N, C-alpha and C. Protein backbone atom coordinates (compact mmCIF):
# COMPACT_ATOMS: atom_id res chain seq x y z
N MET A 1 39.27 -17.62 15.60
CA MET A 1 38.31 -18.65 15.26
C MET A 1 39.05 -19.93 14.88
N GLN A 2 38.49 -21.06 15.29
CA GLN A 2 39.12 -22.33 14.96
C GLN A 2 38.79 -22.73 13.52
N HIS A 3 39.82 -23.15 12.80
CA HIS A 3 39.67 -23.57 11.41
C HIS A 3 40.12 -25.02 11.26
N LEU A 4 39.41 -25.74 10.40
CA LEU A 4 39.73 -27.13 10.07
C LEU A 4 40.27 -27.14 8.64
N ILE A 5 41.55 -27.45 8.50
CA ILE A 5 42.20 -27.40 7.19
C ILE A 5 42.56 -28.83 6.77
N SER A 6 42.22 -29.17 5.52
CA SER A 6 42.52 -30.48 4.98
C SER A 6 43.52 -30.31 3.84
N VAL A 7 44.57 -31.13 3.86
CA VAL A 7 45.66 -31.01 2.89
C VAL A 7 45.93 -32.38 2.28
N LEU A 8 45.97 -32.44 0.95
CA LEU A 8 46.46 -33.64 0.26
C LEU A 8 47.92 -33.38 -0.06
N MET A 9 48.77 -34.33 0.31
CA MET A 9 50.20 -34.15 0.08
C MET A 9 50.84 -35.48 -0.30
N GLU A 10 51.99 -35.39 -0.96
CA GLU A 10 52.71 -36.59 -1.36
C GLU A 10 53.13 -37.36 -0.12
N ASN A 11 52.98 -38.66 -0.18
CA ASN A 11 53.30 -39.54 0.95
C ASN A 11 54.79 -39.89 0.87
N GLU A 12 55.64 -38.96 1.29
CA GLU A 12 57.09 -39.13 1.23
C GLU A 12 57.71 -38.80 2.58
N ALA A 13 58.88 -39.38 2.82
CA ALA A 13 59.61 -39.08 4.05
C ALA A 13 59.94 -37.59 4.10
N GLY A 14 59.67 -36.96 5.23
CA GLY A 14 60.00 -35.55 5.43
C GLY A 14 58.90 -34.58 5.06
N SER A 15 57.87 -35.03 4.36
CA SER A 15 56.78 -34.13 3.94
C SER A 15 56.07 -33.52 5.15
N LEU A 16 55.73 -34.36 6.11
CA LEU A 16 55.03 -33.89 7.30
C LEU A 16 55.91 -32.90 8.07
N SER A 17 57.17 -33.22 8.18
CA SER A 17 58.11 -32.35 8.90
C SER A 17 58.18 -30.96 8.27
N ARG A 18 58.23 -30.89 6.95
CA ARG A 18 58.29 -29.60 6.27
C ARG A 18 57.00 -28.81 6.46
N LEU A 19 55.87 -29.49 6.42
CA LEU A 19 54.60 -28.81 6.60
C LEU A 19 54.46 -28.27 8.03
N VAL A 20 54.79 -29.09 9.02
CA VAL A 20 54.71 -28.65 10.41
C VAL A 20 55.73 -27.54 10.66
N GLY A 21 56.90 -27.65 10.06
CA GLY A 21 57.92 -26.61 10.18
C GLY A 21 57.45 -25.27 9.67
N LEU A 22 56.65 -25.29 8.60
CA LEU A 22 56.09 -24.05 8.06
C LEU A 22 55.25 -23.34 9.12
N PHE A 23 54.48 -24.10 9.86
CA PHE A 23 53.64 -23.53 10.92
C PHE A 23 54.51 -22.95 12.04
N SER A 24 55.48 -23.72 12.50
CA SER A 24 56.29 -23.26 13.64
C SER A 24 57.15 -22.06 13.26
N GLN A 25 57.67 -22.01 12.04
CA GLN A 25 58.49 -20.88 11.61
C GLN A 25 57.71 -19.57 11.63
N ARG A 26 56.44 -19.67 11.37
CA ARG A 26 55.61 -18.47 11.30
C ARG A 26 54.83 -18.20 12.59
N GLY A 27 55.05 -19.02 13.59
CA GLY A 27 54.43 -18.81 14.89
C GLY A 27 52.97 -19.20 14.96
N TYR A 28 52.52 -20.08 14.05
CA TYR A 28 51.14 -20.57 14.09
C TYR A 28 51.12 -21.85 14.92
N ASN A 29 50.08 -22.01 15.72
CA ASN A 29 49.95 -23.20 16.55
C ASN A 29 49.01 -24.20 15.88
N ILE A 30 49.41 -25.46 15.85
CA ILE A 30 48.54 -26.54 15.39
C ILE A 30 47.91 -27.15 16.63
N GLU A 31 46.58 -27.13 16.71
CA GLU A 31 45.91 -27.68 17.89
C GLU A 31 45.70 -29.18 17.78
N THR A 32 45.25 -29.67 16.62
CA THR A 32 45.15 -31.11 16.39
C THR A 32 45.72 -31.40 15.01
N LEU A 33 46.22 -32.63 14.86
CA LEU A 33 46.87 -33.02 13.60
C LEU A 33 46.65 -34.51 13.39
N ASN A 34 46.13 -34.87 12.22
CA ASN A 34 45.94 -36.26 11.84
C ASN A 34 46.46 -36.45 10.43
N VAL A 35 47.20 -37.53 10.22
CA VAL A 35 47.74 -37.83 8.90
C VAL A 35 47.57 -39.31 8.63
N ALA A 36 47.12 -39.64 7.42
CA ALA A 36 47.01 -41.04 7.02
C ALA A 36 46.99 -41.12 5.50
N PRO A 37 47.45 -42.25 4.95
CA PRO A 37 47.39 -42.42 3.49
C PRO A 37 45.94 -42.42 3.01
N THR A 38 45.72 -42.00 1.77
CA THR A 38 44.39 -42.00 1.17
C THR A 38 44.22 -43.30 0.40
N GLU A 39 43.17 -43.36 -0.42
CA GLU A 39 42.95 -44.52 -1.28
C GLU A 39 44.10 -44.70 -2.27
N ASP A 40 44.82 -43.61 -2.57
CA ASP A 40 46.03 -43.64 -3.41
C ASP A 40 47.22 -43.64 -2.45
N GLU A 41 47.97 -44.72 -2.40
CA GLU A 41 49.06 -44.88 -1.43
C GLU A 41 50.15 -43.82 -1.55
N THR A 42 50.23 -43.14 -2.68
CA THR A 42 51.27 -42.12 -2.87
C THR A 42 50.85 -40.76 -2.29
N ILE A 43 49.58 -40.65 -1.87
CA ILE A 43 49.04 -39.39 -1.33
C ILE A 43 48.54 -39.61 0.10
N SER A 44 48.85 -38.66 0.97
CA SER A 44 48.33 -38.68 2.34
C SER A 44 47.39 -37.50 2.53
N ARG A 45 46.42 -37.67 3.41
CA ARG A 45 45.54 -36.57 3.80
C ARG A 45 45.94 -36.14 5.20
N LEU A 46 46.23 -34.88 5.33
CA LEU A 46 46.57 -34.28 6.61
C LEU A 46 45.41 -33.37 7.00
N THR A 47 44.89 -33.54 8.18
CA THR A 47 43.81 -32.69 8.68
C THR A 47 44.30 -32.05 9.96
N LEU A 48 44.20 -30.72 10.02
CA LEU A 48 44.66 -30.02 11.21
C LEU A 48 43.67 -28.95 11.62
N THR A 49 43.70 -28.64 12.90
CA THR A 49 42.92 -27.50 13.39
C THR A 49 43.89 -26.47 13.93
N THR A 50 43.54 -25.22 13.71
CA THR A 50 44.34 -24.11 14.21
C THR A 50 43.42 -22.95 14.52
N ASN A 51 43.81 -22.14 15.47
CA ASN A 51 43.05 -20.94 15.83
C ASN A 51 43.73 -19.74 15.19
N ALA A 52 43.05 -19.09 14.27
CA ALA A 52 43.64 -17.94 13.58
C ALA A 52 42.55 -17.12 12.94
N SER A 53 42.89 -15.88 12.63
CA SER A 53 41.96 -15.00 11.93
C SER A 53 41.89 -15.42 10.46
N ALA A 54 40.91 -14.88 9.75
CA ALA A 54 40.74 -15.19 8.32
C ALA A 54 41.98 -14.79 7.53
N ASP A 55 42.60 -13.66 7.88
CA ASP A 55 43.81 -13.20 7.18
C ASP A 55 44.95 -14.19 7.37
N LYS A 56 45.13 -14.67 8.59
CA LYS A 56 46.20 -15.64 8.88
C LYS A 56 45.95 -16.95 8.15
N ILE A 57 44.68 -17.39 8.11
CA ILE A 57 44.35 -18.63 7.40
C ILE A 57 44.67 -18.49 5.91
N GLU A 58 44.38 -17.33 5.34
CA GLU A 58 44.72 -17.09 3.94
C GLU A 58 46.23 -17.17 3.73
N GLN A 59 47.00 -16.58 4.65
CA GLN A 59 48.46 -16.66 4.57
C GLN A 59 48.93 -18.11 4.68
N ILE A 60 48.38 -18.85 5.65
CA ILE A 60 48.75 -20.24 5.85
C ILE A 60 48.49 -21.04 4.57
N THR A 61 47.32 -20.85 3.98
CA THR A 61 46.95 -21.57 2.76
C THR A 61 47.92 -21.26 1.63
N LYS A 62 48.26 -19.99 1.46
CA LYS A 62 49.22 -19.61 0.40
C LYS A 62 50.58 -20.26 0.64
N HIS A 63 51.04 -20.25 1.88
CA HIS A 63 52.33 -20.87 2.20
C HIS A 63 52.29 -22.38 1.96
N LEU A 64 51.19 -23.02 2.30
CA LEU A 64 51.06 -24.45 2.09
C LEU A 64 51.14 -24.79 0.61
N HIS A 65 50.49 -23.98 -0.23
CA HIS A 65 50.50 -24.23 -1.67
C HIS A 65 51.92 -24.13 -2.25
N LYS A 66 52.80 -23.39 -1.58
CA LYS A 66 54.18 -23.24 -2.07
C LYS A 66 55.04 -24.47 -1.82
N LEU A 67 54.63 -25.30 -0.87
CA LEU A 67 55.40 -26.52 -0.60
C LEU A 67 55.23 -27.50 -1.77
N ILE A 68 56.32 -28.05 -2.23
CA ILE A 68 56.32 -28.94 -3.39
C ILE A 68 55.45 -30.17 -3.16
N GLU A 69 55.47 -30.70 -1.93
CA GLU A 69 54.74 -31.93 -1.62
C GLU A 69 53.22 -31.74 -1.57
N VAL A 70 52.77 -30.50 -1.40
CA VAL A 70 51.35 -30.24 -1.23
C VAL A 70 50.65 -30.26 -2.59
N VAL A 71 49.59 -31.06 -2.66
CA VAL A 71 48.83 -31.22 -3.89
C VAL A 71 47.58 -30.33 -3.87
N LYS A 72 46.89 -30.29 -2.73
CA LYS A 72 45.64 -29.55 -2.62
C LYS A 72 45.41 -29.14 -1.17
N VAL A 73 44.82 -27.95 -0.96
CA VAL A 73 44.51 -27.45 0.38
C VAL A 73 43.10 -26.88 0.37
N ILE A 74 42.35 -27.16 1.42
CA ILE A 74 41.02 -26.56 1.55
C ILE A 74 40.73 -26.30 3.04
N ASP A 75 40.15 -25.14 3.30
CA ASP A 75 39.68 -24.81 4.65
C ASP A 75 38.26 -25.34 4.75
N LEU A 76 38.08 -26.46 5.41
CA LEU A 76 36.76 -27.08 5.51
C LEU A 76 35.78 -26.22 6.28
N THR A 77 36.28 -25.34 7.13
CA THR A 77 35.43 -24.48 7.95
C THR A 77 34.49 -23.65 7.10
N ASP A 78 34.95 -23.25 5.92
CA ASP A 78 34.17 -22.40 5.02
C ASP A 78 33.17 -23.19 4.17
N ASN A 79 33.16 -24.49 4.29
CA ASN A 79 32.33 -25.35 3.45
C ASN A 79 31.48 -26.27 4.32
N ALA A 80 30.39 -26.76 3.73
CA ALA A 80 29.57 -27.75 4.43
C ALA A 80 30.41 -29.02 4.58
N HIS A 81 30.59 -29.46 5.81
CA HIS A 81 31.44 -30.62 6.06
C HIS A 81 30.97 -31.39 7.29
N VAL A 82 31.50 -32.59 7.41
CA VAL A 82 31.26 -33.43 8.58
C VAL A 82 32.59 -33.56 9.29
N GLU A 83 32.59 -33.38 10.60
CA GLU A 83 33.82 -33.57 11.35
C GLU A 83 33.56 -34.47 12.55
N ARG A 84 34.56 -35.27 12.87
CA ARG A 84 34.46 -36.20 13.99
C ARG A 84 35.80 -36.29 14.69
N GLU A 85 35.73 -36.73 15.94
CA GLU A 85 36.89 -36.98 16.75
C GLU A 85 36.63 -38.26 17.53
N LEU A 86 37.65 -39.04 17.74
CA LEU A 86 37.54 -40.28 18.51
C LEU A 86 38.19 -40.05 19.87
N MET A 87 37.54 -40.56 20.92
CA MET A 87 38.11 -40.47 22.26
C MET A 87 38.00 -41.83 22.93
N LEU A 88 39.10 -42.25 23.55
CA LEU A 88 39.11 -43.39 24.44
C LEU A 88 39.28 -42.83 25.84
N ILE A 89 38.44 -43.28 26.76
CA ILE A 89 38.45 -42.72 28.10
C ILE A 89 38.37 -43.87 29.11
N LYS A 90 39.31 -43.88 30.03
CA LYS A 90 39.34 -44.90 31.08
C LYS A 90 38.69 -44.31 32.32
N VAL A 91 37.63 -44.98 32.80
CA VAL A 91 36.79 -44.44 33.87
C VAL A 91 36.73 -45.43 35.03
N ARG A 92 36.88 -44.90 36.24
CA ARG A 92 36.71 -45.69 37.45
C ARG A 92 35.22 -46.02 37.58
N ALA A 93 34.90 -47.32 37.70
CA ALA A 93 33.49 -47.72 37.79
C ALA A 93 33.36 -48.89 38.75
N THR A 94 32.95 -48.57 39.96
CA THR A 94 32.75 -49.62 40.97
C THR A 94 31.37 -49.45 41.59
N GLY A 95 30.83 -50.54 42.08
CA GLY A 95 29.54 -50.51 42.77
C GLY A 95 28.42 -49.96 41.91
N SER A 96 27.64 -49.07 42.49
CA SER A 96 26.48 -48.50 41.78
C SER A 96 26.91 -47.56 40.64
N ALA A 97 28.15 -47.09 40.70
CA ALA A 97 28.65 -46.21 39.65
C ALA A 97 28.76 -46.93 38.31
N ARG A 98 28.92 -48.26 38.33
CA ARG A 98 29.04 -49.02 37.07
C ARG A 98 27.80 -48.84 36.21
N ALA A 99 26.64 -48.97 36.82
CA ALA A 99 25.39 -48.82 36.07
C ALA A 99 25.22 -47.39 35.58
N GLU A 100 25.60 -46.44 36.40
CA GLU A 100 25.49 -45.03 36.02
C GLU A 100 26.40 -44.70 34.84
N VAL A 101 27.64 -45.20 34.87
CA VAL A 101 28.58 -44.97 33.77
C VAL A 101 28.06 -45.64 32.50
N LYS A 102 27.55 -46.85 32.62
CA LYS A 102 27.00 -47.57 31.45
C LYS A 102 25.82 -46.80 30.86
N ARG A 103 24.93 -46.28 31.70
CA ARG A 103 23.79 -45.49 31.22
C ARG A 103 24.26 -44.25 30.48
N SER A 104 25.24 -43.57 31.05
CA SER A 104 25.78 -42.36 30.41
C SER A 104 26.39 -42.70 29.05
N ALA A 105 27.12 -43.82 29.00
CA ALA A 105 27.72 -44.25 27.73
C ALA A 105 26.62 -44.53 26.70
N ASP A 106 25.56 -45.19 27.12
CA ASP A 106 24.44 -45.47 26.21
C ASP A 106 23.79 -44.19 25.70
N ILE A 107 23.58 -43.24 26.57
CA ILE A 107 22.96 -41.97 26.18
C ILE A 107 23.80 -41.26 25.13
N PHE A 108 25.12 -41.31 25.28
CA PHE A 108 26.03 -40.63 24.35
C PHE A 108 26.41 -41.51 23.15
N ARG A 109 25.79 -42.68 23.05
CA ARG A 109 26.07 -43.65 22.00
C ARG A 109 27.55 -44.04 21.97
N ALA A 110 28.12 -44.18 23.14
CA ALA A 110 29.50 -44.61 23.28
C ALA A 110 29.52 -46.12 23.46
N GLN A 111 30.70 -46.71 23.30
CA GLN A 111 30.83 -48.16 23.45
C GLN A 111 31.84 -48.46 24.55
N ILE A 112 31.51 -49.41 25.39
CA ILE A 112 32.47 -49.89 26.38
C ILE A 112 33.31 -50.94 25.66
N VAL A 113 34.62 -50.69 25.55
CA VAL A 113 35.49 -51.57 24.77
C VAL A 113 36.40 -52.43 25.63
N ASP A 114 36.48 -52.14 26.93
CA ASP A 114 37.28 -52.96 27.84
C ASP A 114 36.68 -52.84 29.24
N VAL A 115 36.63 -53.96 29.94
CA VAL A 115 36.02 -54.00 31.27
C VAL A 115 36.95 -54.73 32.22
N THR A 116 37.15 -54.14 33.40
CA THR A 116 37.80 -54.85 34.51
C THR A 116 36.85 -54.74 35.70
N SER A 117 37.27 -55.28 36.83
CA SER A 117 36.39 -55.24 38.00
C SER A 117 36.18 -53.82 38.52
N SER A 118 37.07 -52.90 38.20
CA SER A 118 36.93 -51.54 38.73
C SER A 118 36.99 -50.44 37.66
N LEU A 119 37.15 -50.82 36.38
CA LEU A 119 37.30 -49.82 35.31
C LEU A 119 36.48 -50.17 34.08
N TYR A 120 36.07 -49.13 33.36
CA TYR A 120 35.55 -49.26 32.01
C TYR A 120 36.45 -48.42 31.11
N THR A 121 36.77 -48.95 29.95
CA THR A 121 37.39 -48.14 28.91
C THR A 121 36.31 -47.94 27.86
N ILE A 122 36.04 -46.67 27.56
CA ILE A 122 34.92 -46.32 26.70
C ILE A 122 35.42 -45.62 25.45
N GLN A 123 34.83 -45.99 24.32
CA GLN A 123 35.12 -45.36 23.04
C GLN A 123 33.94 -44.50 22.66
N ILE A 124 34.20 -43.25 22.29
CA ILE A 124 33.12 -42.37 21.88
C ILE A 124 33.59 -41.55 20.67
N VAL A 125 32.69 -41.38 19.71
CA VAL A 125 32.99 -40.63 18.49
C VAL A 125 31.96 -39.52 18.36
N GLY A 126 32.44 -38.34 17.99
CA GLY A 126 31.53 -37.22 17.78
C GLY A 126 32.30 -35.94 17.60
N ASP A 127 31.58 -34.83 17.65
CA ASP A 127 32.27 -33.55 17.56
C ASP A 127 32.83 -33.19 18.92
N GLU A 128 33.62 -32.14 18.96
CA GLU A 128 34.30 -31.74 20.19
C GLU A 128 33.33 -31.49 21.34
N ALA A 129 32.20 -30.87 21.04
CA ALA A 129 31.21 -30.56 22.08
C ALA A 129 30.64 -31.84 22.70
N LYS A 130 30.39 -32.85 21.88
CA LYS A 130 29.86 -34.11 22.40
C LYS A 130 30.87 -34.78 23.33
N LEU A 131 32.13 -34.83 22.91
CA LEU A 131 33.15 -35.46 23.73
C LEU A 131 33.37 -34.70 25.04
N ASP A 132 33.40 -33.38 24.96
CA ASP A 132 33.54 -32.56 26.17
C ASP A 132 32.34 -32.75 27.09
N GLY A 133 31.14 -32.85 26.50
CA GLY A 133 29.92 -33.08 27.27
C GLY A 133 29.96 -34.41 28.00
N PHE A 134 30.48 -35.44 27.34
CA PHE A 134 30.59 -36.76 27.97
C PHE A 134 31.53 -36.70 29.18
N ILE A 135 32.64 -36.01 29.03
CA ILE A 135 33.59 -35.85 30.15
C ILE A 135 32.91 -35.18 31.33
N GLU A 136 32.12 -34.15 31.06
CA GLU A 136 31.43 -33.43 32.15
C GLU A 136 30.40 -34.32 32.84
N VAL A 137 29.66 -35.11 32.06
CA VAL A 137 28.63 -35.98 32.64
C VAL A 137 29.27 -37.08 33.49
N ILE A 138 30.34 -37.67 32.99
CA ILE A 138 31.02 -38.74 33.74
C ILE A 138 31.61 -38.19 35.03
N GLY A 139 32.14 -36.98 34.97
CA GLY A 139 32.77 -36.37 36.16
C GLY A 139 34.27 -36.58 36.13
N ARG A 140 34.99 -35.50 36.22
CA ARG A 140 36.45 -35.56 36.12
C ARG A 140 37.10 -36.40 37.22
N ASP A 141 36.44 -36.52 38.37
CA ASP A 141 37.01 -37.30 39.47
C ASP A 141 37.03 -38.80 39.16
N ARG A 142 36.20 -39.27 38.24
CA ARG A 142 36.16 -40.69 37.88
C ARG A 142 37.16 -41.04 36.77
N ILE A 143 37.63 -40.04 36.06
CA ILE A 143 38.45 -40.26 34.87
C ILE A 143 39.90 -40.53 35.25
N LEU A 144 40.43 -41.63 34.75
CA LEU A 144 41.83 -41.97 34.98
C LEU A 144 42.71 -41.53 33.81
N GLU A 145 42.18 -41.64 32.59
CA GLU A 145 42.99 -41.32 31.41
C GLU A 145 42.07 -41.01 30.24
N VAL A 146 42.51 -40.05 29.42
CA VAL A 146 41.76 -39.68 28.21
C VAL A 146 42.75 -39.61 27.05
N VAL A 147 42.38 -40.23 25.92
CA VAL A 147 43.16 -40.14 24.68
C VAL A 147 42.21 -39.69 23.59
N ARG A 148 42.57 -38.58 22.92
CA ARG A 148 41.73 -38.05 21.84
C ARG A 148 42.52 -38.04 20.55
N SER A 149 41.83 -38.36 19.45
CA SER A 149 42.49 -38.45 18.15
C SER A 149 42.73 -37.10 17.50
N GLY A 150 41.99 -36.10 17.88
CA GLY A 150 41.99 -34.85 17.13
C GLY A 150 40.92 -34.94 16.06
N VAL A 151 40.61 -33.82 15.46
CA VAL A 151 39.49 -33.72 14.53
C VAL A 151 39.89 -34.19 13.13
N ILE A 152 38.99 -34.94 12.50
CA ILE A 152 39.10 -35.23 11.07
C ILE A 152 37.84 -34.71 10.42
N GLY A 153 37.90 -34.41 9.13
CA GLY A 153 36.72 -33.87 8.46
C GLY A 153 36.69 -34.23 6.99
N ILE A 154 35.49 -34.15 6.44
CA ILE A 154 35.29 -34.44 5.02
C ILE A 154 34.17 -33.54 4.51
N LEU A 155 34.26 -33.12 3.25
CA LEU A 155 33.22 -32.29 2.65
C LEU A 155 31.93 -33.08 2.54
N ARG A 156 30.81 -32.39 2.67
CA ARG A 156 29.49 -33.03 2.52
C ARG A 156 29.14 -33.13 1.03
N GLY A 157 28.30 -34.08 0.72
CA GLY A 157 27.75 -34.20 -0.62
C GLY A 157 28.74 -34.68 -1.66
N GLU A 158 28.54 -34.24 -2.88
CA GLU A 158 29.31 -34.71 -4.05
C GLU A 158 30.73 -34.16 -4.10
N ARG A 159 30.97 -33.02 -3.46
CA ARG A 159 32.30 -32.40 -3.52
C ARG A 159 33.33 -33.27 -2.82
N THR A 160 34.54 -33.32 -3.38
CA THR A 160 35.62 -34.08 -2.77
C THR A 160 36.90 -33.24 -2.80
N LEU A 161 37.83 -33.65 -2.00
CA LEU A 161 39.15 -33.03 -2.02
C LEU A 161 40.10 -33.86 -2.88
N SER A 162 39.61 -34.96 -3.43
CA SER A 162 40.44 -35.87 -4.21
C SER A 162 41.05 -35.18 -5.40
N LEU A 163 42.07 -35.83 -5.93
CA LEU A 163 42.79 -35.29 -7.10
C LEU A 163 41.93 -35.22 -8.33
């Protein structure tokens, strides 16, 4: 099962390397990884997705807590949360296909962020299923390039991961 894990860690050189090293040493695969400073510049939030059983996730969490740089860890999968991913997609759009691509973008609430005579670059935000659905509707033969940010997530309601 895919799990979304959020980690607060000290924003220091080498912290990310040690955390990722923990995964590789134990043979766990990180599917997506996002890291950025929080409202406190000394703390970064790392959000990752991994496919593992509940037992493996428990092991991963325990190992993460042992790292000195790690302040807090939570498996968002087990909690009510909101998750999003950003995708930029470069699509071939000429002739009548331009209107069709624009309509599809509108239906998916995507934005066209760059236009040339034969291409649209489209920005779309949503969960993995929405982004995958957009790719299927557009058609893989029209797609020139896809860049995805990976998943980020936050707890719903009053609960926070903050210190």
